C-alpha atoms as a PDB file:
ATOM      1  CA  MET A   1      94.694 101.474 116.767  1.00  0.00           C
ATOM      2  CA  ILE A   2      92.908 103.174 113.975  1.00  0.00           C
ATOM      3  CA  LEU A   3      94.296 103.358 110.450  1.00  0.00           C
ATOM      4  CA  ALA A   4      93.073 106.066 107.761  1.00  0.00           C
ATOM      5  CA  ILE A   5      93.281 106.308 104.151  1.00  0.00           C
ATOM      6  CA  ASP A   6      93.366 109.378 101.707  1.00  0.00           C
ATOM      7  CA  THR A   7      93.438 109.065  97.989  1.00  0.00           C
ATOM      8  CA  SER A   8      91.152 111.495  97.324  1.00  0.00           C
ATOM      9  CA  ALA A   9      93.594 114.309  96.435  1.00  0.00           C
ATOM     10  CA  GLY A  10      97.173 113.209  96.732  1.00  0.00           C
ATOM     11  CA  THR A  11      98.116 110.293  99.166  1.00  0.00           C
ATOM     12  CA  SER A  12      98.220 110.318 102.925  1.00  0.00           C
ATOM     13  CA  VAL A  13      98.159 107.159 104.769  1.00  0.00           C
ATOM     14  CA  ALA A  14      98.442 107.355 108.893  1.00  0.00           C
ATOM     15  CA  LEU A  15      98.425 104.610 112.213  1.00  0.00           C
ATOM     16  CA  LEU A  16      96.905 106.339 115.365  1.00  0.00           C
ATOM     17  CA  ALA A  17      96.378 105.170 118.736  1.00  0.00           C
ATOM     18  CA  GLU A  18      93.816 105.073 120.732  1.00  0.00           C
ATOM     19  CA  ASP A  19      94.036 108.204 122.463  1.00  0.00           C
ATOM     20  CA  GLY A  20      94.785 109.648 118.989  1.00  0.00           C
ATOM     21  CA  ALA A  21      98.958 110.234 119.496  1.00  0.00           C
ATOM     22  CA  VAL A  22     100.317 109.307 115.991  1.00  0.00           C
ATOM     23  CA  ILE A  23     102.305 106.074 116.099  1.00  0.00           C
ATOM     24  CA  ALA A  24     103.096 106.374 111.957  1.00  0.00           C
ATOM     25  CA  GLU A  25     102.421 108.542 108.899  1.00  0.00           C
ATOM     26  CA  ARG A  26     103.305 108.774 104.855  1.00  0.00           C
ATOM     27  CA  SER A  27     101.573 111.585 102.378  1.00  0.00           C
ATOM     28  CA  THR A  28     102.443 113.026  99.438  1.00  0.00           C
ATOM     29  CA  PHE A  29     100.834 115.734  97.385  1.00  0.00           C
ATOM     30  CA  ASP A  30     100.802 113.856  93.848  1.00  0.00           C
ATOM     31  CA  THR A  31      97.495 113.233  92.184  1.00  0.00           C
ATOM     32  CA  ARG A  32      99.039 110.849  89.897  1.00  0.00           C
ATOM     33  CA  ARG A  33     100.569 107.931  91.718  1.00  0.00           C
ATOM     34  CA  HIS A  34      97.954 106.432  94.140  1.00  0.00           C
ATOM     35  CA  ALA A  35      97.899 103.256  92.909  1.00  0.00           C
ATOM     36  CA  GLU A  36     101.952 102.795  93.487  1.00  0.00           C
ATOM     37  CA  LEU A  37     102.349 104.587  96.237  1.00  0.00           C
ATOM     38  CA  ILE A  38      99.376 103.215  98.196  1.00  0.00           C
ATOM     39  CA  GLY A  39     101.087  99.494  98.865  1.00  0.00           C
ATOM     40  CA  PRO A  40     104.735 101.281 100.324  1.00  0.00           C
ATOM     41  CA  PHE A  41     102.728 103.189 102.289  1.00  0.00           C
ATOM     42  CA  LEU A  42     101.311 101.197 103.768  1.00  0.00           C
ATOM     43  CA  ALA A  43     103.392  98.655 104.456  1.00  0.00           C
ATOM     44  CA  GLU A  44     106.286 101.702 106.116  1.00  0.00           C
ATOM     45  CA  VAL A  45     103.084 102.888 108.304  1.00  0.00           C
ATOM     46  CA  LEU A  46     101.423  99.406 109.271  1.00  0.00           C
ATOM     47  CA  ALA A  47     105.220  98.289 109.662  1.00  0.00           C
ATOM     48  CA  ALA A  48     105.989 101.196 113.041  1.00  0.00           C
ATOM     49  CA  ALA A  49     103.289  99.210 115.188  1.00  0.00           C
ATOM     50  CA  LEU A  50     104.624  95.807 117.098  1.00  0.00           C
ATOM     51  CA  ASP A  51     101.323  93.833 116.993  1.00  0.00           C
ATOM     52  CA  VAL A  52      98.898  95.205 114.008  1.00  0.00           C
ATOM     53  CA  ARG A  53      96.543  92.655 113.869  1.00  0.00           C
ATOM     54  CA  GLY A  54      95.725  92.563 117.354  1.00  0.00           C
ATOM     55  CA  SER A  55      95.977  95.782 117.981  1.00  0.00           C
ATOM     56  CA  LEU A  56      94.402  97.174 114.865  1.00  0.00           C
ATOM     57  CA  THR A  57      90.526  98.363 115.931  1.00  0.00           C
ATOM     58  CA  ALA A  58      89.138 100.228 112.223  1.00  0.00           C
ATOM     59  CA  VAL A  59      90.097 101.271 108.817  1.00  0.00           C
ATOM     60  CA  VAL A  60      89.246 104.995 108.002  1.00  0.00           C
ATOM     61  CA  ALA A  61      88.603 106.130 104.275  1.00  0.00           C
ATOM     62  CA  GLY A  62      87.915 109.479 103.098  1.00  0.00           C
ATOM     63  CA  ILE A  63      85.372 108.797 100.372  1.00  0.00           C
ATOM     64  CA  GLY A  64      86.239 111.553  98.650  1.00  0.00           C
ATOM     65  CA  PRO A  65      84.856 113.610  97.124  1.00  0.00           C
ATOM     66  CA  GLY A  66      87.777 113.003  94.845  1.00  0.00           C
ATOM     67  CA  PRO A  67      88.166 111.963  91.083  1.00  0.00           C
ATOM     68  CA  PHE A  68      87.321 108.767  90.011  1.00  0.00           C
ATOM     69  CA  THR A  69      91.188 107.185  89.623  1.00  0.00           C
ATOM     70  CA  GLY A  70      92.292 108.542  93.210  1.00  0.00           C
ATOM     71  CA  LEU A  71      89.406 107.380  95.332  1.00  0.00           C
ATOM     72  CA  ARG A  72      89.112 103.742  94.120  1.00  0.00           C
ATOM     73  CA  VAL A  73      92.433 103.283  94.653  1.00  0.00           C
ATOM     74  CA  GLY A  74      92.452 104.202  98.638  1.00  0.00           C
ATOM     75  CA  LEU A  75      88.570 102.721  99.202  1.00  0.00           C
ATOM     76  CA  ALA A  76      90.192  99.565  97.593  1.00  0.00           C
ATOM     77  CA  ALA A  77      92.794  99.273  99.978  1.00  0.00           C
ATOM     78  CA  ALA A  78      91.060 100.023 103.017  1.00  0.00           C
ATOM     79  CA  ARG A  79      88.474  97.032 102.697  1.00  0.00           C
ATOM     80  CA  VAL A  80      90.986  95.001 101.559  1.00  0.00           C
ATOM     81  CA  LEU A  81      92.918  95.775 104.581  1.00  0.00           C
ATOM     82  CA  ALA A  82      89.675  95.396 107.004  1.00  0.00           C
ATOM     83  CA  LEU A  83      88.708  92.318 104.847  1.00  0.00           C
ATOM     84  CA  GLY A  84      91.462  90.200 106.159  1.00  0.00           C
ATOM     85  CA  LEU A  85      92.474  91.629 109.451  1.00  0.00           C
ATOM     86  CA  GLY A  86      88.222  90.917 110.282  1.00  0.00           C
ATOM     87  CA  ILE A  87      87.336  94.744 111.405  1.00  0.00           C
ATOM     88  CA  PRO A  88      85.557  97.808 110.215  1.00  0.00           C
ATOM     89  CA  VAL A  89      85.492 100.170 107.385  1.00  0.00           C
ATOM     90  CA  LEU A  90      84.730 103.185 108.281  1.00  0.00           C
ATOM     91  CA  GLY A  91      83.746 106.296 105.797  1.00  0.00           C
ATOM     92  CA  VAL A  92      84.708 109.691 106.786  1.00  0.00           C
ATOM     93  CA  PRO A  93      83.875 112.829 104.207  1.00  0.00           C
ATOM     94  CA  SER A  94      87.982 113.816 102.687  1.00  0.00           C
ATOM     95  CA  HIS A  95      86.936 117.621 103.562  1.00  0.00           C
ATOM     96  CA  GLU A  96      85.625 117.242 107.337  1.00  0.00           C
ATOM     97  CA  ALA A  97      88.912 116.149 107.946  1.00  0.00           C
ATOM     98  CA  VAL A  98      90.337 119.555 106.987  1.00  0.00           C
ATOM     99  CA  ALA A  99      87.709 121.461 108.464  1.00  0.00           C
ATOM    100  CA  LEU A 100      88.613 120.025 111.270  1.00  0.00           C
ATOM    101  CA  ARG A 101      91.895 120.085 111.642  1.00  0.00           C
ATOM    102  CA  LEU A 102      91.209 124.419 110.956  1.00  0.00           C
ATOM    103  CA  LEU A 103      88.679 124.396 113.873  1.00  0.00           C
ATOM    104  CA  VAL A 104      91.388 122.882 116.077  1.00  0.00           C
ATOM    105  CA  ALA A 105      94.074 125.850 115.604  1.00  0.00           C
ATOM    106  CA  GLY A 106      91.683 128.259 115.776  1.00  0.00           C
ATOM    107  CA  GLU A 107      91.863 129.206 112.534  1.00  0.00           C
ATOM    108  CA  VAL A 108      87.522 128.975 111.101  1.00  0.00           C
ATOM    109  CA  ALA A 109      84.810 130.597 112.471  1.00  0.00           C
ATOM    110  CA  GLY A 110      81.071 130.807 111.427  1.00  0.00           C
ATOM    111  CA  ARG A 111      80.710 129.283 107.397  1.00  0.00           C
ATOM    112  CA  PHE A 112      83.438 128.386 105.769  1.00  0.00           C
ATOM    113  CA  ALA A 113      84.501 126.414 103.102  1.00  0.00           C
ATOM    114  CA  ILE A 114      86.955 123.064 101.707  1.00  0.00           C
ATOM    115  CA  VAL A 115      88.047 123.336  98.140  1.00  0.00           C
ATOM    116  CA  THR A 116      90.003 120.930  96.628  1.00  0.00           C
ATOM    117  CA  ASP A 117      91.052 120.297  93.104  1.00  0.00           C
ATOM    118  CA  ALA A 118      87.969 118.507  91.281  1.00  0.00           C
ATOM    119  CA  ARG A 119      90.240 118.897  87.674  1.00  0.00           C
ATOM    120  CA  ARG A 120      88.380 119.386  84.237  1.00  0.00           C
ATOM    121  CA  ARG A 121      89.415 123.240  85.387  1.00  0.00           C
ATOM    122  CA  GLU A 122      86.801 122.278  88.508  1.00  0.00           C
ATOM    123  CA  VAL A 123      86.854 122.686  92.493  1.00  0.00           C
ATOM    124  CA  ALA A 124      84.787 120.609  94.388  1.00  0.00           C
ATOM    125  CA  VAL A 125      83.528 122.332  97.548  1.00  0.00           C
ATOM    126  CA  THR A 126      82.252 121.798 100.852  1.00  0.00           C
ATOM    127  CA  VAL A 127      81.015 124.514 103.423  1.00  0.00           C
ATOM    128  CA  TYR A 128      80.814 123.436 107.353  1.00  0.00           C
ATOM    129  CA  ARG A 129      79.494 125.500 110.010  1.00  0.00           C
ATOM    130  CA  ALA A 130      82.380 126.028 112.322  1.00  0.00           C
ATOM    131  CA  ALA A 131      81.299 123.475 115.642  1.00  0.00           C
ATOM    132  CA  LEU A 132      83.924 121.294 117.897  1.00  0.00           C
ATOM    133  CA  PRO A 133      83.703 118.155 118.300  1.00  0.00           C
ATOM    134  CA  LEU A 134      82.435 117.794 114.732  1.00  0.00           C
ATOM    135  CA  PRO A 135      82.052 120.288 112.141  1.00  0.00           C
ATOM    136  CA  GLU A 136      78.582 120.279 110.636  1.00  0.00           C
ATOM    137  CA  GLU A 137      78.267 120.018 106.955  1.00  0.00           C
ATOM    138  CA  ALA A 138      75.744 123.367 105.447  1.00  0.00           C
ATOM    139  CA  VAL A 139      76.131 122.696 101.955  1.00  0.00           C
ATOM    140  CA  PRO A 140      77.245 118.845 100.976  1.00  0.00           C
ATOM    141  CA  ALA A 141      80.318 119.041  98.369  1.00  0.00           C
ATOM    142  CA  HIS A 142      78.962 119.376  94.489  1.00  0.00           C
ATOM    143  CA  LEU A 143      81.786 120.753  91.484  1.00  0.00           C
ATOM    144  CA  VAL A 144      81.903 124.618  91.083  1.00  0.00           C
ATOM    145  CA  GLU A 145      83.599 125.896  87.933  1.00  0.00           C
ATOM    146  CA  ARG A 146      86.902 127.294  89.303  1.00  0.00           C
ATOM    147  CA  LEU A 147      87.143 130.936  86.919  1.00  0.00           C
ATOM    148  CA  ALA A 148      83.425 131.043  87.980  1.00  0.00           C
ATOM    149  CA  TYR A 149      83.312 130.319  91.843  1.00  0.00           C
ATOM    150  CA  ALA A 150      82.446 133.543  94.075  1.00  0.00           C
ATOM    151  CA  PRO A 151      81.925 132.703  97.564  1.00  0.00           C
ATOM    152  CA  GLU A 152      79.416 134.064  99.060  1.00  0.00           C
ATOM    153  CA  PRO A 153      80.020 137.415 101.375  1.00  0.00           C
ATOM    154  CA  GLY A 154      81.978 136.078 104.933  1.00  0.00           C
ATOM    155  CA  LEU A 155      83.108 133.026 103.726  1.00  0.00           C
ATOM    156  CA  THR A 156      86.279 132.041 104.269  1.00  0.00           C
ATOM    157  CA  VAL A 157      88.214 129.018 101.806  1.00  0.00           C
ATOM    158  CA  HIS A 158      90.496 126.867 102.628  1.00  0.00           C
ATOM    159  CA  GLU A 159      91.893 125.860  99.017  1.00  0.00           C
ATOM    160  CA  VAL A 160      94.164 122.431 100.097  1.00  0.00           C
ATOM    161  CA  THR A 161      95.879 119.816  97.915  1.00  0.00           C
ATOM    162  CA  GLU A 162      96.145 116.958 100.598  1.00  0.00           C
ATOM    163  CA  ILE A 163      93.667 115.707 102.885  1.00  0.00           C
ATOM    164  CA  PRO A 164      95.653 114.538 105.692  1.00  0.00           C
ATOM    165  CA  ALA A 165      95.000 111.484 107.170  1.00  0.00           C
ATOM    166  CA  VAL A 166      96.266 111.688 110.739  1.00  0.00           C
ATOM    167  CA  TRP A 167      92.604 114.169 110.587  1.00  0.00           C
ATOM    168  CA  LEU A 168      90.594 112.214 108.867  1.00  0.00           C
ATOM    169  CA  ALA A 169      91.400 109.359 111.667  1.00  0.00           C
ATOM    170  CA  ARG A 170      90.639 112.055 114.326  1.00  0.00           C
ATOM    171  CA  ALA A 171      87.476 113.060 112.699  1.00  0.00           C
ATOM    172  CA  ALA A 172      86.433 109.330 113.088  1.00  0.00           C
ATOM    173  CA  GLN A 173      86.969 109.395 116.761  1.00  0.00           C
ATOM    174  CA  ALA A 174      84.870 111.793 117.220  1.00  0.00           C
ATOM    175  CA  ARG A 175      82.268 110.647 115.220  1.00  0.00           C
ATOM    176  CA  ILE A 176      83.153 107.634 117.600  1.00  0.00           C
ATOM    177  CA  ALA A 177      83.107 109.543 120.584  1.00  0.00           C
ATOM    178  CA  THR A 178      79.989 111.478 120.231  1.00  0.00           C
ATOM    179  CA  GLY A 179      77.555 108.771 119.015  1.00  0.00           C
ATOM    180  CA  ALA A 180      77.923 110.321 115.277  1.00  0.00           C
ATOM    181  CA  SER A 181      77.015 107.783 112.182  1.00  0.00           C
ATOM    182  CA  PHE A 182      79.243 107.833 109.487  1.00  0.00           C
ATOM    183  CA  PRO A 183      78.439 107.527 106.246  1.00  0.00           C
ATOM    184  CA  GLU A 184      78.122 104.088 103.739  1.00  0.00           C
ATOM    185  CA  ALA A 185      82.181 103.450 102.801  1.00  0.00           C
ATOM    186  CA  SER A 186      81.388 104.328  99.224  1.00  0.00           C
ATOM    187  CA  PRO A 187      83.203 106.318  96.780  1.00  0.00           C
ATOM    188  CA  LEU A 188      81.895 110.558  96.499  1.00  0.00           C
ATOM    189  CA  TYR A 189      82.234 111.195  92.821  1.00  0.00           C
ATOM    190  CA  LEU A 190      80.849 114.269  92.342  1.00  0.00           C
ATOM    191  CA  ARG A 191      80.751 113.607  87.907  1.00  0.00           C
ATOM    192  CA  ALA A 192      80.667 110.244  86.469  1.00  0.00           C
ATOM    193  CA  PRO A 193      84.405 108.628  85.574  1.00  0.00           C
ATOM    194  CA  ASP A 194      85.264 109.041  82.122  1.00  0.00           C
ATOM    195  CA  VAL A 195      84.819 105.416  81.234  1.00  0.00           C
ATOM    196  CA  THR A 196      81.214 103.981  80.547  1.00  0.00           C
ATOM    197  CA  LEU A 197      79.951 100.266  79.641  1.00  0.00           C
ATOM    198  CA  ALA A 198      79.081 100.199  75.744  1.00  0.00           C
ATOM    199  CA  ALA A 199      75.860  98.080  75.395  1.00  0.00           C
ATOM    200  CA  PRO A 200      77.041  94.494  73.782  1.00  0.00           C
ATOM    201  CA  LYS A 201      76.351  94.621  69.957  1.00  0.00           C
ATOM    202  CA  ARG A 202      74.202  92.899  68.372  1.00  0.00           C
ATOM    203  CA  VAL A 203      76.003  89.542  65.886  1.00  0.00           C
ATOM    204  CA  SER A 204      73.662  88.142  62.790  1.00  0.00           C
ATOM    205  CA  THR A 205      74.010  85.107  61.849  1.00  0.00           C
END
């Protein structure tokens, strides 16, 4: 089994069998309660399997792009679970999950863009080329001002509010099946966090 977690937009958790069948999933579009929801979602999804400790082979973590607060919640949960079970964490770009779902459904061809809200009146954009078993990244994730975003002619744009963990897991399975490498399971932040460490003040005596 594979457990997938993504908190780059809303919160989405899914448990899939080796053949890709969905055992359980929970998700919400809520972008403000990642920390409150991730625990109950994981408990409910994992409770649907009889032998998680013996059957779970990997935890798939959506690495973004996404805001600082949301991403760190999902990645931290993935790492804790993987550490406790002694299994690997596989990082998958979050936009890849949506791109794969659209490709399998036959909804895209040629070049297309996946867009998610990056807050501060910006959007995160990744451009792909249609290809199976995995979409080909044409332009890496980058930030664009929402009002100024003007896609190139002929580029199909799909703006989404949630990354489906089911398709995140299937993207990981496709990478495994084709021998494709996985990026490091580290958050893909497109801007620095608001909070930074300040230099310590010197104390005179």
